[in-house]
Amino acid sequence: MKSNFTFAKITASATLLLVFCWFGMVKAQPKEILEGVKKEGKVVFYSSLTIQEIDQVAVPFTKKYPFLKVEPFRGNSEQLLQKITIEARAGRVQHDVAQFDAFEEWQLQKLGLLQRYKSPEAKDYPNIYKDPEGYWTAMYANYLVLGYNTKQVKEEELPKKWEDLLLPKWKGEKFAMDRDEGVWYGGLAFYWGKEKADKFMKALALQDPSMRKGHTLIATFLSSGEFPLGLVYAHRIEEMKTKGTSVDWVSLDPIIVTPNLITIGRNAAHPNAAKLLVDFCLSKEGQTILQQQQHRTVASPDIPPTSPKMDPKKLKLYLADKRVADQHETFANKFYELFVKGKPE
């Protein structure tokens, strides 16, 4: 009898400890959010992260909030935009939180499919990384840079500016680009001016660059020596460098930046749980996971860059913003006509 009583006391104490620990972890959250979370029990997360990367976020999130579960759906940005808009038209909204490329997320904002939420975790984020009305916040950013194979190109031979790609030595598939670089074209057009950007792109097309599909694929081929130069994401090259791969990148002004956003759906079925997930992804803990485990260039100014080369204070960054997004179709079509049309897939 005594042993049963002792076990009951230990069990009760453990339960109380779990409850107190949970409330201690979320004590910074407003009372109404916490009360709503306990009723909702889950959050539906549409994401362009890989399944492994989603788990890297979801596992510590549910460990921190054990009364919640994350139900993910994974797709690329275009697939997720299409899925959300189809569901909205059908009147059967499924997602709570969406995370993917800004150009597609901004389409959701135009369609009125986002709700406002200004996360306290983003109060110190740069203004370019958050919507003034609270419809979206950047989780991380992609820096479009010139990557190179360190075995094929010496540092002193590297281009010092983008126009150096027009030199004769880089003609004939010596430089690789994604088949859809309308964002890069548009970013340069707004930074340089349309006339200069158009002239540069026409001349670059005459260099007969190698056209591939996907920046990660280009980085992989770059490392194998298929071509000496490529337009790639800086964070992907930094990741490859940690594995001893013979690649690096050089900063040419400007570096066009494309943000990846996190948002809450206008008619989210679990709005309080959605706010907790957004807060977690934008917090120091969430941003550290994105940087350390996924090698992302995080939006938080409180997370030091993994490499001195990635310090945004030392780089000439230019965000491809809504102006570029609004004219993306024009720039994408121009790029296609110059670089892709008539060439084999």
Protein backbone atom coordinates (compact mmCIF):
# COMPACT_ATOMS: atom_id res chain seq x y z
CA MET A 1 0.00 0.00 0.00
CA LYS A 2 2.82 2.35 0.92
CA SER A 3 4.68 1.64 -2.33
CA ASN A 4 1.53 2.41 -4.38
CA PHE A 5 1.11 5.70 -2.55
CA THR A 6 4.75 6.59 -3.16
CA PHE A 7 4.42 5.76 -6.88
CA ALA A 8 1.27 7.90 -7.13
CA LYS A 9 3.12 10.86 -5.56
CA ILE A 10 6.03 10.47 -7.97
CA THR A 11 3.69 10.26 -10.96
CA ALA A 12 1.75 13.32 -9.86
CA SER A 13 4.97 15.24 -9.26
CA ALA A 14 6.30 14.30 -12.69
CA THR A 15 3.06 15.43 -14.34
CA LEU A 16 3.12 18.73 -12.51
CA LEU A 17 6.76 19.20 -13.47
CA LEU A 18 5.93 18.61 -17.15
CA VAL A 19 3.10 21.11 -17.02
CA PHE A 20 5.15 23.73 -15.20
CA CYS A 21 8.07 23.26 -17.60
CA TRP A 22 5.78 23.65 -20.61
CA PHE A 23 4.17 26.79 -19.25
CA GLY A 24 7.60 28.09 -18.32
CA MET A 25 8.77 27.71 -21.91
CA VAL A 26 5.75 29.52 -23.32
CA LYS A 27 5.24 32.08 -20.57
CA ALA A 28 6.23 34.87 -22.96
CA GLN A 29 3.23 34.09 -25.14
CA PRO A 30 -0.02 36.06 -24.64
CA LYS A 31 -2.63 34.24 -22.60
CA GLU A 32 -5.19 34.11 -25.41
CA ILE A 33 -2.69 32.39 -27.73
CA LEU A 34 -1.85 29.74 -25.13
CA GLU A 35 -5.50 29.03 -24.40
CA GLY A 36 -6.19 28.71 -28.13
CA VAL A 37 -3.20 26.43 -28.68
CA LYS A 38 -4.39 23.92 -26.08
CA LYS A 39 -7.72 23.64 -27.91
CA GLU A 40 -6.23 23.41 -31.41
CA GLY A 41 -3.67 20.67 -30.82
CA LYS A 42 -1.95 20.83 -34.20
CA VAL A 43 -0.60 23.08 -36.96
CA VAL A 44 -0.65 22.31 -40.69
CA PHE A 45 2.63 23.39 -42.30
CA TYR A 46 3.09 23.78 -46.08
CA SER A 47 6.81 24.08 -46.81
CA SER A 48 9.39 24.03 -49.60
CA LEU A 49 11.99 22.63 -47.19
CA THR A 50 12.99 19.00 -47.71
CA ILE A 51 11.33 16.35 -45.53
CA GLN A 52 14.53 16.09 -43.48
CA GLU A 53 14.68 19.86 -43.04
CA ILE A 54 11.02 20.00 -41.98
CA ASP A 55 11.78 17.38 -39.32
CA GLN A 56 14.74 19.42 -38.12
CA VAL A 57 12.28 22.22 -37.37
CA ALA A 58 9.26 20.19 -36.26
CA VAL A 59 10.98 17.90 -33.76
CA PRO A 60 12.40 20.63 -31.48
CA PHE A 61 9.19 22.65 -31.92
CA THR A 62 6.98 19.81 -30.67
CA LYS A 63 9.48 19.03 -27.94
CA LYS A 64 9.12 22.61 -26.77
CA TYR A 65 5.32 22.48 -27.15
CA PRO A 66 4.40 18.83 -26.43
CA PHE A 67 0.66 19.46 -26.72
CA LEU A 68 1.04 20.31 -30.41
CA LYS A 69 1.79 18.22 -33.46
CA VAL A 70 2.98 19.40 -36.87
CA GLU A 71 1.26 18.06 -39.99
CA PRO A 72 3.57 18.94 -42.92
CA PHE A 73 3.02 19.02 -46.65
CA ARG A 74 6.12 19.38 -48.80
CA GLY A 75 6.31 20.86 -52.32
CA ASN A 76 8.21 23.43 -54.35
CA SER A 77 7.07 27.05 -54.34
CA GLU A 78 5.00 26.83 -57.52
CA GLN A 79 3.27 23.64 -56.37
CA LEU A 80 2.40 25.14 -52.99
CA LEU A 81 1.08 28.36 -54.51
CA GLN A 82 -1.14 26.33 -56.82
CA LYS A 83 -2.35 24.04 -54.02
CA ILE A 84 -3.24 26.93 -51.70
CA THR A 85 -5.09 28.89 -54.37
CA ILE A 86 -7.06 25.83 -55.54
CA GLU A 87 -8.04 25.03 -51.96
CA ALA A 88 -9.09 28.62 -51.38
CA ARG A 89 -11.29 28.68 -54.49
CA ALA A 90 -12.90 25.42 -53.41
CA GLY A 91 -13.59 26.83 -49.94
CA ARG A 92 -11.62 24.10 -48.19
CA VAL A 93 -8.54 25.79 -46.76
CA GLN A 94 -6.11 23.19 -45.42
CA HIS A 95 -2.94 24.97 -44.33
CA ASP A 96 -2.11 27.17 -41.34
CA VAL A 97 1.48 28.18 -42.07
CA ALA A 98 3.18 28.46 -45.47
CA GLN A 99 6.91 28.82 -46.08
CA PHE A 100 8.39 29.18 -49.55
CA ASP A 101 9.86 31.68 -52.03
CA ALA A 102 8.80 35.31 -51.75
CA PHE A 103 7.63 35.73 -55.35
CA GLU A 104 4.98 33.02 -54.87
CA GLU A 105 4.12 34.14 -51.32
CA TRP A 106 3.53 37.69 -52.58
CA GLN A 107 0.99 36.24 -55.01
CA LEU A 108 -0.93 34.92 -52.00
CA GLN A 109 -0.85 38.40 -50.48
CA LYS A 110 -2.22 39.88 -53.72
CA LEU A 111 -5.04 37.33 -53.64
CA GLY A 112 -5.88 38.25 -50.04
CA LEU A 113 -5.03 34.78 -48.73
CA LEU A 114 -2.73 35.87 -45.88
CA GLN A 115 -3.50 37.18 -42.42
CA ARG A 116 -1.53 39.74 -40.47
CA TYR A 117 0.78 38.65 -37.69
CA LYS A 118 3.75 40.65 -36.42
CA SER A 119 5.87 38.14 -34.58
CA PRO A 120 7.68 39.54 -31.52
CA GLU A 121 10.67 37.41 -32.60
CA ALA A 122 11.09 39.59 -35.70
CA LYS A 123 11.07 42.99 -33.99
CA ASP A 124 14.78 43.52 -34.70
CA TYR A 125 14.75 42.07 -38.23
CA PRO A 126 15.76 44.48 -41.03
CA ASN A 127 12.73 46.25 -42.50
CA ILE A 128 13.38 44.73 -45.93
CA TYR A 129 12.78 41.30 -44.38
CA LYS A 130 9.29 41.97 -43.00
CA ASP A 131 6.04 43.38 -44.29
CA PRO A 132 5.11 46.70 -42.60
CA GLU A 133 1.53 45.45 -42.23
CA GLY A 134 2.61 42.06 -40.87
CA TYR A 135 1.56 39.79 -43.73
CA TRP A 136 4.95 38.10 -44.09
CA THR A 137 8.45 37.80 -42.64
CA ALA A 138 11.60 36.44 -44.26
CA MET A 139 12.96 33.22 -42.72
CA TYR A 140 16.13 33.17 -44.79
CA ALA A 141 17.59 34.61 -47.98
CA ASN A 142 19.40 33.28 -51.04
CA TYR A 143 22.45 35.20 -52.32
CA LEU A 144 23.02 34.77 -56.08
CA VAL A 145 26.79 34.82 -56.52
CA LEU A 146 29.49 33.74 -58.94
CA GLY A 147 30.80 30.33 -57.92
CA TYR A 148 33.98 28.80 -59.27
CA ASN A 149 36.00 25.61 -59.30
CA THR A 150 39.18 26.32 -57.33
CA LYS A 151 41.16 23.74 -59.34
CA GLN A 152 40.27 25.36 -62.65
CA VAL A 153 40.36 29.07 -61.84
CA LYS A 154 43.04 30.89 -59.89
CA GLU A 155 41.91 33.68 -57.61
CA GLU A 156 43.73 36.33 -59.63
CA GLU A 157 41.93 35.16 -62.80
CA LEU A 158 38.43 35.62 -61.37
CA PRO A 159 36.05 38.26 -62.72
CA LYS A 160 36.10 41.44 -60.62
CA LYS A 161 32.70 42.62 -61.86
CA TRP A 162 29.77 41.02 -63.68
CA GLU A 163 30.82 42.63 -66.96
CA ASP A 164 34.05 40.60 -66.85
CA LEU A 165 31.98 37.55 -67.81
CA LEU A 166 31.89 39.13 -71.29
CA LEU A 167 35.65 38.62 -71.76
CA PRO A 168 36.63 36.18 -74.55
CA LYS A 169 38.14 33.66 -72.09
CA TRP A 170 34.69 32.92 -70.64
CA LYS A 171 33.04 32.24 -74.01
CA GLY A 172 31.73 28.79 -74.91
CA GLU A 173 29.99 27.11 -71.94
CA LYS A 174 32.60 28.28 -69.43
CA PHE A 175 29.84 29.80 -67.28
CA ALA A 176 26.62 28.05 -66.20
CA MET A 177 23.23 29.53 -65.31
CA ASP A 178 19.81 28.26 -64.36
CA ARG A 179 17.34 28.16 -67.27
CA ASP A 180 15.06 30.52 -65.34
CA GLU A 181 17.06 33.52 -64.11
CA GLY A 182 14.36 36.17 -64.58
CA VAL A 183 14.82 37.21 -60.95
CA TRP A 184 18.53 37.90 -61.49
CA TYR A 185 17.76 39.80 -64.70
CA GLY A 186 15.08 41.87 -62.94
CA GLY A 187 17.25 42.58 -59.92
CA LEU A 188 20.08 43.89 -62.09
CA ALA A 189 17.60 45.95 -64.13
CA PHE A 190 16.35 47.75 -61.03
CA TYR A 191 19.86 48.17 -59.61
CA TRP A 192 21.71 49.20 -62.78
CA GLY A 193 18.83 50.56 -64.81
CA LYS A 194 16.98 48.76 -67.58
CA GLU A 195 19.22 49.95 -70.45
CA LYS A 196 22.45 48.72 -68.90
CA ALA A 197 20.91 45.41 -67.80
CA ASP A 198 19.44 44.73 -71.25
CA LYS A 199 22.78 45.46 -72.92
CA PHE A 200 24.64 43.19 -70.49
CA MET A 201 22.21 40.29 -70.90
CA LYS A 202 22.32 40.45 -74.70
CA ALA A 203 26.12 40.40 -74.64
CA LEU A 204 26.17 37.56 -72.06
CA ALA A 205 23.90 35.45 -74.28
CA LEU A 206 26.47 35.75 -77.06
CA GLN A 207 29.01 34.11 -74.71
CA ASP A 208 27.02 30.88 -75.11
CA PRO A 209 26.76 29.98 -71.41
CA SER A 210 25.78 26.49 -70.30
CA MET A 211 22.09 26.44 -69.34
CA ARG A 212 21.07 24.01 -66.58
CA LYS A 213 18.08 23.49 -64.30
CA GLY A 214 18.61 24.21 -60.61
CA HIS A 215 21.27 26.10 -58.66
CA THR A 216 22.15 23.05 -56.56
CA LEU A 217 22.72 21.01 -59.73
CA ILE A 218 24.94 23.77 -61.12
CA ALA A 219 26.97 23.80 -57.88
CA THR A 220 27.38 20.02 -58.10
CA PHE A 221 28.57 20.13 -61.73
CA LEU A 222 30.82 23.05 -60.84
CA SER A 223 32.54 20.92 -58.20
CA SER A 224 33.07 18.09 -60.69
CA GLY A 225 34.79 20.45 -63.15
CA GLU A 226 32.14 20.42 -65.88
CA PHE A 227 32.54 24.19 -66.14
CA PRO A 228 34.77 26.65 -64.24
CA LEU A 229 32.13 29.29 -63.33
CA GLY A 230 28.46 29.21 -62.36
CA LEU A 231 25.69 31.39 -60.96
CA VAL A 232 24.92 29.72 -57.64
CA TYR A 233 23.63 30.28 -54.12
CA ALA A 234 26.38 31.33 -51.71
CA HIS A 235 25.09 29.19 -48.83
CA ARG A 236 25.20 26.05 -50.95
CA ILE A 237 28.84 26.68 -51.86
CA GLU A 238 29.67 27.35 -48.20
CA GLU A 239 28.07 24.02 -47.30
CA MET A 240 30.10 22.21 -49.97
CA LYS A 241 33.30 23.83 -48.74
CA THR A 242 32.78 22.29 -45.29
CA LYS A 243 32.89 18.89 -47.00
CA GLY A 244 36.22 19.61 -48.69
CA THR A 245 34.80 20.25 -52.16
CA SER A 246 36.96 22.29 -54.57
CA VAL A 247 34.57 25.22 -54.92
CA ASP A 248 34.31 28.79 -53.68
CA TRP A 249 32.52 31.99 -54.61
CA VAL A 250 33.40 35.60 -55.26
CA SER A 251 31.37 38.69 -54.40
CA LEU A 252 30.51 40.76 -57.48
CA ASP A 253 28.43 43.91 -56.98
CA PRO A 254 25.54 43.73 -56.66
CA ILE A 255 24.55 40.38 -55.15
CA ILE A 256 20.88 39.84 -55.97
CA VAL A 257 19.04 38.49 -52.94
CA THR A 258 15.82 36.46 -53.05
CA PRO A 259 14.00 36.01 -49.71
CA ASN A 260 12.11 32.96 -48.49
CA LEU A 261 9.05 33.91 -46.41
CA ILE A 262 6.87 32.46 -43.68
CA THR A 263 3.18 33.41 -43.51
CA ILE A 264 -0.14 32.47 -41.89
CA GLY A 265 -3.16 31.64 -44.02
CA ARG A 266 -6.10 34.05 -43.90
CA ASN A 267 -8.54 31.34 -42.81
CA ALA A 268 -6.11 29.18 -40.82
CA ALA A 269 -8.00 26.56 -38.81
CA HIS A 270 -5.33 26.62 -36.08
CA PRO A 271 -4.30 30.31 -35.91
CA ASN A 272 -2.79 30.22 -32.42
CA ALA A 273 -0.66 27.18 -33.13
CA ALA A 274 0.34 28.88 -36.39
CA LYS A 275 1.61 31.90 -34.47
CA LEU A 276 3.70 29.67 -32.21
CA LEU A 277 5.28 27.94 -35.22
CA VAL A 278 6.04 31.26 -36.91
CA ASP A 279 7.56 32.57 -33.69
CA PHE A 280 9.70 29.45 -33.34
CA CYS A 281 11.01 29.64 -36.92
CA LEU A 282 11.95 33.32 -36.46
CA SER A 283 13.41 32.88 -32.97
CA LYS A 284 17.09 32.50 -32.22
CA GLU A 285 16.57 28.77 -31.72
CA GLY A 286 14.76 28.30 -35.02
CA GLN A 287 17.14 30.48 -36.98
CA THR A 288 20.13 28.63 -35.51
CA ILE A 289 18.65 25.34 -36.73
CA LEU A 290 18.24 26.78 -40.23
CA GLN A 291 21.82 28.03 -40.25
CA GLN A 292 23.71 25.25 -38.48
CA GLN A 293 21.79 22.21 -39.76
CA GLN A 294 20.59 23.47 -43.14
CA HIS A 295 23.34 25.98 -43.98
CA ARG A 296 20.77 28.71 -44.71
CA THR A 297 21.52 32.45 -44.81
CA VAL A 298 19.11 33.37 -42.03
CA ALA A 299 17.21 36.64 -41.78
CA SER A 300 17.81 37.24 -38.07
CA PRO A 301 20.44 39.91 -37.38
CA ASP A 302 21.21 38.22 -34.04
CA ILE A 303 22.79 35.14 -35.66
CA PRO A 304 26.42 35.72 -36.72
CA PRO A 305 27.28 34.45 -40.23
CA THR A 306 28.98 31.07 -40.44
CA SER A 307 31.74 32.57 -42.59
CA PRO A 308 33.23 36.09 -42.66
CA LYS A 309 32.51 36.10 -46.41
CA MET A 310 28.78 35.87 -45.64
CA ASP A 311 28.69 38.96 -43.42
CA PRO A 312 25.92 41.12 -44.96
CA LYS A 313 27.64 44.27 -43.68
CA LYS A 314 30.55 43.54 -46.04
CA LEU A 315 28.47 42.74 -49.11
CA LYS A 316 26.64 44.88 -51.66
CA LEU A 317 23.25 43.19 -51.41
CA TYR A 318 20.20 44.10 -53.47
CA LEU A 319 16.86 42.54 -52.57
CA ALA A 320 14.68 41.40 -55.47
CA ASP A 321 11.57 43.00 -53.99
CA LYS A 322 7.92 43.32 -55.03
CA ARG A 323 8.81 45.65 -57.90
CA VAL A 324 10.88 42.86 -59.43
CA ALA A 325 8.15 40.36 -58.62
CA ASP A 326 5.49 42.47 -60.33
CA GLN A 327 7.54 42.46 -63.55
CA HIS A 328 8.94 38.96 -63.18
CA GLU A 329 7.03 37.55 -66.13
CA THR A 330 8.50 40.24 -68.40
CA PHE A 331 12.06 39.57 -67.25
CA ALA A 332 11.58 35.79 -67.34
CA ASN A 333 10.33 35.96 -70.93
CA LYS A 334 13.24 38.18 -71.98
CA PHE A 335 15.69 35.80 -70.35
CA TYR A 336 14.08 32.81 -72.06
CA GLU A 337 14.24 34.47 -75.48
CA LEU A 338 17.91 35.35 -75.05
CA PHE A 339 19.31 32.25 -73.37
CA VAL A 340 16.97 29.28 -73.62
CA LYS A 341 14.76 29.36 -76.70
CA GLY A 342 15.84 26.88 -79.31
CA LYS A 343 18.37 25.15 -77.04
CA PRO A 344 18.06 21.49 -75.99
CA GLU A 345 16.64 20.70 -72.55
